[in-house]
Amino acid sequence: MNETVSFRKMTLEDLDAVYEIEVLSFTLPWTKDAFYHEMVTNEHAYYVIAETQEGIVGYCGMWLVMDEAHVTNIAIHPDQRGKKLGGGLMQAAIDTAKEQGAVLMTLEARVSNTVAQNLYRKLGFKNGGIRKRYYTDNYEDAIVMWVNFNE
C-alpha cells in the first residue's frame, strides 16, 4: 500500500460516499436512510471512515453499548480491495472501540467469507458460534466471532 490512508469518525457529509460503497459491496445494501438514522438518532452508533487522496475508500460501523462493540458493517470500495485497507480499517475500529471503553468486540461473517474470517482471526477474533440462516438474501449461516481485549 503506497498511498497514505487516514481514519476518522464519519460525518453526515460522508453519507453519499458511504452509501455508494455499500451498494457496490452488498447484495442487500442498507438504505441511505438507515445510515442517516445511524448518524442522527442512534446514540450507540460509531462509524470509522478510511480515506486516501482519492476520497473515502471504506467504512466500518459499530454499536458501542456499555463495554461491548458490535461491528454492524464494514466495506472497502471494490476498486480499492486487495490493498490491505480492510485490515487497517478494522484496526482503527478496534482502537476506537477500546478508546470508548469496550472490552469485547463481536461481529458476524458469512461462513463462505473465509477472506474476512482470516483477517478477523489475524486481529485476535475467535469463533463464537453460528447464526443459522442469518443472511436473508440466500439464508447463508453467519459465523459469530469475538475478541476480548483483556486477553
N, C-alpha and C. Protein backbone atom coordinates (compact mmCIF):
# COMPACT_ATOMS: atom_id res chain seq x y z
N MET A 1 0.86 -1.18 0.00
CA MET A 1 0.00 0.00 0.00
C MET A 1 0.90 1.23 0.00
N ASN A 2 0.92 1.92 -1.10
CA ASN A 2 1.82 3.06 -1.25
C ASN A 2 1.18 4.37 -0.83
N GLU A 3 -0.14 4.48 -0.93
CA GLU A 3 -0.77 5.75 -0.62
C GLU A 3 -1.09 5.86 0.87
N THR A 4 -1.16 7.09 1.34
CA THR A 4 -1.45 7.35 2.73
C THR A 4 -2.94 7.17 2.98
N VAL A 5 -3.25 6.45 4.04
CA VAL A 5 -4.63 6.24 4.45
C VAL A 5 -4.82 6.88 5.81
N SER A 6 -5.88 7.63 5.96
CA SER A 6 -6.21 8.18 7.27
C SER A 6 -7.57 7.64 7.69
N PHE A 7 -7.78 7.62 8.98
CA PHE A 7 -9.01 7.10 9.56
C PHE A 7 -9.61 8.17 10.45
N ARG A 8 -10.93 8.33 10.36
CA ARG A 8 -11.61 9.35 11.16
C ARG A 8 -13.05 8.95 11.38
N LYS A 9 -13.72 9.68 12.25
CA LYS A 9 -15.13 9.45 12.52
C LYS A 9 -15.97 9.96 11.34
N MET A 10 -16.97 9.19 10.97
CA MET A 10 -17.87 9.57 9.87
C MET A 10 -18.72 10.76 10.26
N THR A 11 -18.98 11.63 9.26
CA THR A 11 -19.90 12.75 9.43
C THR A 11 -21.03 12.62 8.41
N LEU A 12 -22.04 13.44 8.56
CA LEU A 12 -23.16 13.41 7.60
C LEU A 12 -22.70 13.73 6.18
N GLU A 13 -21.65 14.53 6.04
CA GLU A 13 -21.13 14.86 4.72
C GLU A 13 -20.59 13.62 3.99
N ASP A 14 -20.30 12.56 4.73
CA ASP A 14 -19.76 11.33 4.15
C ASP A 14 -20.84 10.37 3.67
N LEU A 15 -22.09 10.70 3.92
CA LEU A 15 -23.20 9.77 3.68
C LEU A 15 -23.25 9.25 2.25
N ASP A 16 -23.15 10.12 1.26
CA ASP A 16 -23.25 9.68 -0.13
C ASP A 16 -22.13 8.72 -0.50
N ALA A 17 -20.92 9.01 -0.09
CA ALA A 17 -19.77 8.14 -0.42
C ALA A 17 -19.91 6.78 0.27
N VAL A 18 -20.33 6.78 1.53
CA VAL A 18 -20.51 5.52 2.26
C VAL A 18 -21.61 4.70 1.61
N TYR A 19 -22.71 5.36 1.26
CA TYR A 19 -23.81 4.65 0.63
C TYR A 19 -23.39 4.05 -0.71
N GLU A 20 -22.59 4.77 -1.48
CA GLU A 20 -22.11 4.23 -2.77
C GLU A 20 -21.31 2.95 -2.54
N ILE A 21 -20.41 2.96 -1.56
CA ILE A 21 -19.62 1.76 -1.25
C ILE A 21 -20.53 0.63 -0.80
N GLU A 22 -21.52 0.94 0.02
CA GLU A 22 -22.48 -0.06 0.50
C GLU A 22 -23.18 -0.75 -0.67
N VAL A 23 -23.70 0.04 -1.61
CA VAL A 23 -24.43 -0.51 -2.75
C VAL A 23 -23.53 -1.37 -3.62
N LEU A 24 -22.28 -0.96 -3.79
CA LEU A 24 -21.34 -1.71 -4.61
C LEU A 24 -20.85 -2.99 -3.92
N SER A 25 -21.05 -3.08 -2.60
CA SER A 25 -20.44 -4.17 -1.83
C SER A 25 -21.39 -5.28 -1.41
N PHE A 26 -22.69 -5.00 -1.33
CA PHE A 26 -23.60 -5.97 -0.73
C PHE A 26 -24.81 -6.25 -1.60
N THR A 27 -25.26 -7.51 -1.57
CA THR A 27 -26.45 -7.88 -2.34
C THR A 27 -27.72 -7.29 -1.74
N LEU A 28 -27.74 -7.08 -0.44
CA LEU A 28 -28.86 -6.43 0.24
C LEU A 28 -28.32 -5.23 1.01
N PRO A 29 -28.01 -4.14 0.30
CA PRO A 29 -27.40 -2.99 0.98
C PRO A 29 -28.37 -2.29 1.92
N TRP A 30 -27.79 -1.67 2.95
CA TRP A 30 -28.57 -0.78 3.79
C TRP A 30 -29.04 0.39 2.94
N THR A 31 -30.14 0.99 3.34
CA THR A 31 -30.62 2.19 2.66
C THR A 31 -29.83 3.40 3.14
N LYS A 32 -29.90 4.46 2.34
CA LYS A 32 -29.26 5.71 2.76
C LYS A 32 -29.92 6.22 4.04
N ASP A 33 -31.25 6.02 4.15
CA ASP A 33 -31.97 6.42 5.37
C ASP A 33 -31.47 5.67 6.59
N ALA A 34 -31.10 4.40 6.42
CA ALA A 34 -30.58 3.63 7.55
C ALA A 34 -29.27 4.24 8.05
N PHE A 35 -28.39 4.62 7.13
CA PHE A 35 -27.14 5.26 7.54
C PHE A 35 -27.42 6.62 8.19
N TYR A 36 -28.36 7.36 7.64
CA TYR A 36 -28.72 8.66 8.22
C TYR A 36 -29.21 8.46 9.66
N HIS A 37 -30.07 7.47 9.87
CA HIS A 37 -30.58 7.16 11.21
C HIS A 37 -29.42 6.82 12.16
N GLU A 38 -28.48 6.03 11.67
CA GLU A 38 -27.33 5.67 12.49
C GLU A 38 -26.59 6.93 12.95
N MET A 39 -26.43 7.87 12.04
CA MET A 39 -25.67 9.08 12.34
C MET A 39 -26.43 10.06 13.24
N VAL A 40 -27.74 10.12 13.08
CA VAL A 40 -28.51 11.19 13.73
C VAL A 40 -29.22 10.73 14.99
N THR A 41 -29.76 9.51 15.01
CA THR A 41 -30.59 9.12 16.15
C THR A 41 -30.06 7.96 16.98
N ASN A 42 -29.13 7.17 16.45
CA ASN A 42 -28.63 6.03 17.22
C ASN A 42 -27.42 6.47 18.05
N GLU A 43 -27.65 6.67 19.32
CA GLU A 43 -26.58 7.15 20.21
C GLU A 43 -25.46 6.13 20.39
N HIS A 44 -25.70 4.89 20.02
CA HIS A 44 -24.69 3.85 20.17
C HIS A 44 -23.82 3.67 18.93
N ALA A 45 -24.25 4.24 17.80
CA ALA A 45 -23.54 4.03 16.54
C ALA A 45 -22.29 4.89 16.44
N TYR A 46 -21.25 4.30 15.88
CA TYR A 46 -19.99 4.99 15.62
C TYR A 46 -19.43 4.40 14.33
N TYR A 47 -19.10 5.26 13.39
CA TYR A 47 -18.57 4.82 12.10
C TYR A 47 -17.20 5.41 11.88
N VAL A 48 -16.28 4.55 11.45
CA VAL A 48 -14.92 4.95 11.13
C VAL A 48 -14.78 4.93 9.61
N ILE A 49 -14.21 6.00 9.07
CA ILE A 49 -14.01 6.17 7.64
C ILE A 49 -12.53 5.95 7.31
N ALA A 50 -12.27 5.25 6.21
CA ALA A 50 -10.92 5.15 5.64
C ALA A 50 -10.87 6.07 4.44
N GLU A 51 -9.84 6.92 4.41
CA GLU A 51 -9.77 7.95 3.37
C GLU A 51 -8.36 8.03 2.81
N THR A 52 -8.27 8.16 1.49
CA THR A 52 -6.99 8.41 0.81
C THR A 52 -7.14 9.72 0.04
N GLN A 53 -6.12 10.08 -0.72
CA GLN A 53 -6.24 11.28 -1.53
C GLN A 53 -7.34 11.15 -2.58
N GLU A 54 -7.77 9.91 -2.86
CA GLU A 54 -8.86 9.69 -3.81
C GLU A 54 -10.23 9.89 -3.17
N GLY A 55 -10.27 10.03 -1.86
CA GLY A 55 -11.53 10.20 -1.15
C GLY A 55 -11.80 9.03 -0.22
N ILE A 56 -13.04 8.85 0.14
CA ILE A 56 -13.44 7.78 1.06
C ILE A 56 -13.36 6.45 0.32
N VAL A 57 -12.62 5.52 0.90
CA VAL A 57 -12.42 4.21 0.28
C VAL A 57 -13.03 3.08 1.09
N GLY A 58 -13.50 3.37 2.31
CA GLY A 58 -14.11 2.33 3.13
C GLY A 58 -14.70 2.89 4.39
N TYR A 59 -15.47 2.05 5.06
CA TYR A 59 -16.09 2.43 6.34
C TYR A 59 -16.30 1.19 7.18
N CYS A 60 -16.39 1.41 8.48
CA CYS A 60 -16.72 0.35 9.43
C CYS A 60 -17.67 0.95 10.45
N GLY A 61 -18.83 0.34 10.58
CA GLY A 61 -19.81 0.78 11.56
C GLY A 61 -19.85 -0.16 12.74
N MET A 62 -20.11 0.40 13.90
CA MET A 62 -20.26 -0.44 15.10
C MET A 62 -21.21 0.24 16.07
N TRP A 63 -21.76 -0.58 16.91
CA TRP A 63 -22.58 -0.08 18.02
C TRP A 63 -21.78 -0.29 19.30
N LEU A 64 -21.60 0.78 20.04
CA LEU A 64 -20.88 0.73 21.30
C LEU A 64 -21.90 0.77 22.43
N VAL A 65 -22.08 -0.38 23.08
CA VAL A 65 -23.07 -0.50 24.14
C VAL A 65 -22.35 -1.03 25.38
N MET A 66 -22.34 -0.19 26.41
CA MET A 66 -21.62 -0.50 27.64
C MET A 66 -20.17 -0.83 27.30
N ASP A 67 -19.72 -2.05 27.62
CA ASP A 67 -18.32 -2.39 27.35
C ASP A 67 -18.15 -3.31 26.14
N GLU A 68 -19.16 -3.32 25.25
CA GLU A 68 -19.10 -4.16 24.06
C GLU A 68 -19.23 -3.31 22.79
N ALA A 69 -18.52 -3.73 21.77
CA ALA A 69 -18.64 -3.13 20.44
C ALA A 69 -19.11 -4.22 19.49
N HIS A 70 -20.19 -3.93 18.78
CA HIS A 70 -20.72 -4.88 17.79
C HIS A 70 -20.54 -4.26 16.41
N VAL A 71 -19.71 -4.88 15.58
CA VAL A 71 -19.50 -4.40 14.22
C VAL A 71 -20.76 -4.68 13.42
N THR A 72 -21.35 -3.63 12.86
CA THR A 72 -22.58 -3.78 12.09
C THR A 72 -22.30 -3.96 10.61
N ASN A 73 -21.27 -3.30 10.11
CA ASN A 73 -20.93 -3.41 8.70
C ASN A 73 -19.51 -2.87 8.48
N ILE A 74 -18.89 -3.43 7.47
CA ILE A 74 -17.56 -2.96 7.07
C ILE A 74 -17.44 -3.23 5.58
N ALA A 75 -16.92 -2.26 4.86
CA ALA A 75 -16.75 -2.44 3.42
C ALA A 75 -15.64 -1.54 2.90
N ILE A 76 -14.98 -2.04 1.89
CA ILE A 76 -13.97 -1.29 1.13
C ILE A 76 -14.49 -1.18 -0.30
N HIS A 77 -14.32 -0.02 -0.89
CA HIS A 77 -14.75 0.18 -2.28
C HIS A 77 -14.12 -0.91 -3.15
N PRO A 78 -14.91 -1.52 -4.04
CA PRO A 78 -14.38 -2.62 -4.87
C PRO A 78 -13.10 -2.26 -5.62
N ASP A 79 -12.96 -1.01 -6.07
CA ASP A 79 -11.75 -0.60 -6.79
C ASP A 79 -10.52 -0.52 -5.88
N GLN A 80 -10.73 -0.55 -4.57
CA GLN A 80 -9.63 -0.37 -3.62
C GLN A 80 -9.29 -1.65 -2.86
N ARG A 81 -9.97 -2.75 -3.18
CA ARG A 81 -9.73 -4.00 -2.47
C ARG A 81 -8.39 -4.60 -2.86
N GLY A 82 -7.83 -5.41 -1.97
CA GLY A 82 -6.55 -6.05 -2.23
C GLY A 82 -5.37 -5.19 -1.85
N LYS A 83 -5.61 -4.05 -1.20
CA LYS A 83 -4.54 -3.14 -0.80
C LYS A 83 -4.32 -3.12 0.71
N LYS A 84 -4.91 -4.09 1.40
CA LYS A 84 -4.79 -4.21 2.86
C LYS A 84 -5.49 -3.08 3.61
N LEU A 85 -6.41 -2.40 2.93
CA LEU A 85 -7.17 -1.33 3.59
C LEU A 85 -8.13 -1.87 4.63
N GLY A 86 -8.69 -3.05 4.39
CA GLY A 86 -9.63 -3.64 5.35
C GLY A 86 -8.99 -3.90 6.70
N GLY A 87 -7.77 -4.38 6.70
CA GLY A 87 -7.07 -4.63 7.96
C GLY A 87 -6.80 -3.34 8.71
N GLY A 88 -6.37 -2.31 7.99
CA GLY A 88 -6.15 -1.01 8.63
C GLY A 88 -7.42 -0.42 9.17
N LEU A 89 -8.50 -0.53 8.41
CA LEU A 89 -9.79 -0.01 8.85
C LEU A 89 -10.30 -0.76 10.07
N MET A 90 -10.17 -2.07 10.05
CA MET A 90 -10.63 -2.87 11.20
C MET A 90 -9.79 -2.54 12.43
N GLN A 91 -8.49 -2.36 12.26
CA GLN A 91 -7.64 -1.99 13.41
C GLN A 91 -8.04 -0.62 13.94
N ALA A 92 -8.37 0.31 13.06
CA ALA A 92 -8.82 1.64 13.50
C ALA A 92 -10.13 1.52 14.28
N ALA A 93 -11.02 0.63 13.84
CA ALA A 93 -12.28 0.41 14.57
C ALA A 93 -12.00 -0.20 15.94
N ILE A 94 -11.09 -1.15 16.00
CA ILE A 94 -10.72 -1.76 17.29
C ILE A 94 -10.14 -0.70 18.22
N ASP A 95 -9.23 0.11 17.71
CA ASP A 95 -8.64 1.17 18.52
C ASP A 95 -9.70 2.13 19.04
N THR A 96 -10.65 2.49 18.18
CA THR A 96 -11.75 3.38 18.57
C THR A 96 -12.59 2.74 19.65
N ALA A 97 -12.93 1.46 19.47
CA ALA A 97 -13.75 0.76 20.46
C ALA A 97 -13.06 0.74 21.82
N LYS A 98 -11.76 0.47 21.82
CA LYS A 98 -11.00 0.47 23.07
C LYS A 98 -11.02 1.86 23.71
N GLU A 99 -10.80 2.89 22.89
CA GLU A 99 -10.82 4.27 23.41
C GLU A 99 -12.17 4.62 24.03
N GLN A 100 -13.23 4.03 23.51
CA GLN A 100 -14.58 4.30 24.00
C GLN A 100 -14.95 3.39 25.18
N GLY A 101 -14.02 2.56 25.63
CA GLY A 101 -14.24 1.73 26.81
C GLY A 101 -14.68 0.31 26.55
N ALA A 102 -14.66 -0.13 25.30
CA ALA A 102 -15.07 -1.51 25.01
C ALA A 102 -14.01 -2.50 25.48
N VAL A 103 -14.48 -3.60 25.99
CA VAL A 103 -13.62 -4.70 26.42
C VAL A 103 -13.76 -5.87 25.44
N LEU A 104 -14.93 -5.99 24.83
CA LEU A 104 -15.23 -7.05 23.88
C LEU A 104 -15.66 -6.45 22.55
N MET A 105 -15.38 -7.16 21.47
CA MET A 105 -15.90 -6.77 20.16
C MET A 105 -16.41 -8.03 19.49
N THR A 106 -17.54 -7.91 18.80
CA THR A 106 -18.13 -9.04 18.11
C THR A 106 -18.57 -8.63 16.72
N LEU A 107 -18.71 -9.62 15.86
CA LEU A 107 -19.20 -9.40 14.51
C LEU A 107 -19.71 -10.72 13.95
N GLU A 108 -20.43 -10.63 12.83
CA GLU A 108 -20.84 -11.81 12.09
C GLU A 108 -20.20 -11.75 10.72
N ALA A 109 -19.84 -12.92 10.20
CA ALA A 109 -19.31 -13.02 8.83
C ALA A 109 -19.98 -14.21 8.17
N ARG A 110 -20.20 -14.10 6.88
CA ARG A 110 -20.74 -15.24 6.14
C ARG A 110 -19.79 -16.43 6.30
N VAL A 111 -20.35 -17.63 6.47
CA VAL A 111 -19.48 -18.80 6.61
C VAL A 111 -18.63 -19.00 5.36
N SER A 112 -19.10 -18.52 4.21
CA SER A 112 -18.33 -18.66 2.97
C SER A 112 -17.25 -17.59 2.82
N ASN A 113 -17.27 -16.57 3.65
CA ASN A 113 -16.33 -15.45 3.51
C ASN A 113 -15.06 -15.73 4.31
N THR A 114 -14.26 -16.64 3.80
CA THR A 114 -13.05 -17.04 4.53
C THR A 114 -12.00 -15.94 4.52
N VAL A 115 -12.00 -15.08 3.50
CA VAL A 115 -11.04 -13.97 3.46
C VAL A 115 -11.27 -13.06 4.66
N ALA A 116 -12.52 -12.69 4.91
CA ALA A 116 -12.84 -11.83 6.06
C ALA A 116 -12.53 -12.56 7.37
N GLN A 117 -12.92 -13.81 7.46
CA GLN A 117 -12.66 -14.56 8.70
C GLN A 117 -11.16 -14.62 9.01
N ASN A 118 -10.35 -14.84 7.99
CA ASN A 118 -8.90 -14.89 8.20
C ASN A 118 -8.37 -13.54 8.68
N LEU A 119 -8.88 -12.45 8.12
CA LEU A 119 -8.48 -11.12 8.58
C LEU A 119 -8.84 -10.94 10.05
N TYR A 120 -10.07 -11.29 10.40
CA TYR A 120 -10.51 -11.11 11.79
C TYR A 120 -9.69 -11.97 12.74
N ARG A 121 -9.34 -13.18 12.33
CA ARG A 121 -8.51 -14.04 13.18
C ARG A 121 -7.13 -13.41 13.39
N LYS A 122 -6.56 -12.81 12.34
CA LYS A 122 -5.25 -12.14 12.48
C LYS A 122 -5.32 -11.00 13.50
N LEU A 123 -6.51 -10.42 13.65
CA LEU A 123 -6.70 -9.32 14.60
C LEU A 123 -7.14 -9.81 15.98
N GLY A 124 -7.14 -11.13 16.19
CA GLY A 124 -7.40 -11.69 17.51
C GLY A 124 -8.80 -12.25 17.73
N PHE A 125 -9.66 -12.18 16.72
CA PHE A 125 -11.02 -12.71 16.88
C PHE A 125 -11.00 -14.23 16.89
N LYS A 126 -11.94 -14.78 17.66
CA LYS A 126 -12.11 -16.23 17.76
C LYS A 126 -13.55 -16.58 17.39
N ASN A 127 -13.73 -17.80 16.92
CA ASN A 127 -15.08 -18.26 16.59
C ASN A 127 -15.91 -18.38 17.86
N GLY A 128 -17.15 -17.89 17.78
CA GLY A 128 -18.03 -17.94 18.95
C GLY A 128 -19.29 -18.73 18.74
N GLY A 129 -19.61 -19.07 17.51
CA GLY A 129 -20.82 -19.83 17.24
C GLY A 129 -21.34 -19.55 15.84
N ILE A 130 -22.48 -20.13 15.55
CA ILE A 130 -23.11 -20.00 14.23
C ILE A 130 -24.52 -19.44 14.42
N ARG A 131 -24.88 -18.46 13.58
CA ARG A 131 -26.26 -18.00 13.49
C ARG A 131 -26.84 -18.61 12.22
N LYS A 132 -27.73 -19.56 12.39
CA LYS A 132 -28.32 -20.28 11.27
C LYS A 132 -29.16 -19.35 10.41
N ARG A 133 -28.99 -19.46 9.09
CA ARG A 133 -29.82 -18.75 8.11
C ARG A 133 -29.87 -17.24 8.37
N TYR A 134 -28.76 -16.67 8.77
CA TYR A 134 -28.67 -15.28 9.21
C TYR A 134 -28.88 -14.29 8.07
N TYR A 135 -28.33 -14.59 6.91
CA TYR A 135 -28.38 -13.65 5.78
C TYR A 135 -29.64 -13.90 4.96
N THR A 136 -30.45 -12.86 4.82
CA THR A 136 -31.77 -13.04 4.21
C THR A 136 -31.74 -13.11 2.68
N ASP A 137 -30.60 -12.77 2.04
CA ASP A 137 -30.57 -12.86 0.58
C ASP A 137 -30.48 -14.31 0.11
N ASN A 138 -29.76 -15.15 0.86
CA ASN A 138 -29.62 -16.56 0.46
C ASN A 138 -29.68 -17.52 1.66
N TYR A 139 -30.00 -16.98 2.83
CA TYR A 139 -30.14 -17.76 4.08
C TYR A 139 -28.86 -18.50 4.47
N GLU A 140 -27.74 -17.91 4.08
CA GLU A 140 -26.46 -18.46 4.50
C GLU A 140 -26.27 -18.25 5.99
N ASP A 141 -25.59 -19.20 6.62
CA ASP A 141 -25.26 -19.07 8.03
C ASP A 141 -24.19 -18.00 8.23
N ALA A 142 -24.18 -17.44 9.43
CA ALA A 142 -23.13 -16.49 9.82
C ALA A 142 -22.31 -17.13 10.93
N ILE A 143 -21.02 -16.90 10.87
CA ILE A 143 -20.15 -17.27 11.98
C ILE A 143 -20.03 -16.03 12.87
N VAL A 144 -20.25 -16.23 14.16
CA VAL A 144 -20.10 -15.15 15.13
C VAL A 144 -18.67 -15.21 15.64
N MET A 145 -18.01 -14.06 15.62
CA MET A 145 -16.63 -14.00 16.08
C MET A 145 -16.51 -12.94 17.18
N TRP A 146 -15.62 -13.20 18.14
CA TRP A 146 -15.42 -12.33 19.30
C TRP A 146 -13.94 -12.09 19.54
N VAL A 147 -13.64 -10.94 20.10
CA VAL A 147 -12.31 -10.72 20.64
C VAL A 147 -12.47 -10.04 22.00
N ASN A 148 -11.71 -10.51 22.96
CA ASN A 148 -11.67 -9.90 24.30
C ASN A 148 -10.36 -9.14 24.39
N PHE A 149 -10.44 -7.83 24.53
CA PHE A 149 -9.24 -7.00 24.53
C PHE A 149 -8.39 -7.21 25.78
N ASN A 150 -8.94 -7.84 26.80
CA ASN A 150 -8.19 -8.06 28.04
C ASN A 150 -7.45 -9.39 28.06
N GLU A 151 -7.59 -10.18 27.01
CA GLU A 151 -6.91 -11.48 26.99
C GLU A 151 -5.54 -11.36 26.36
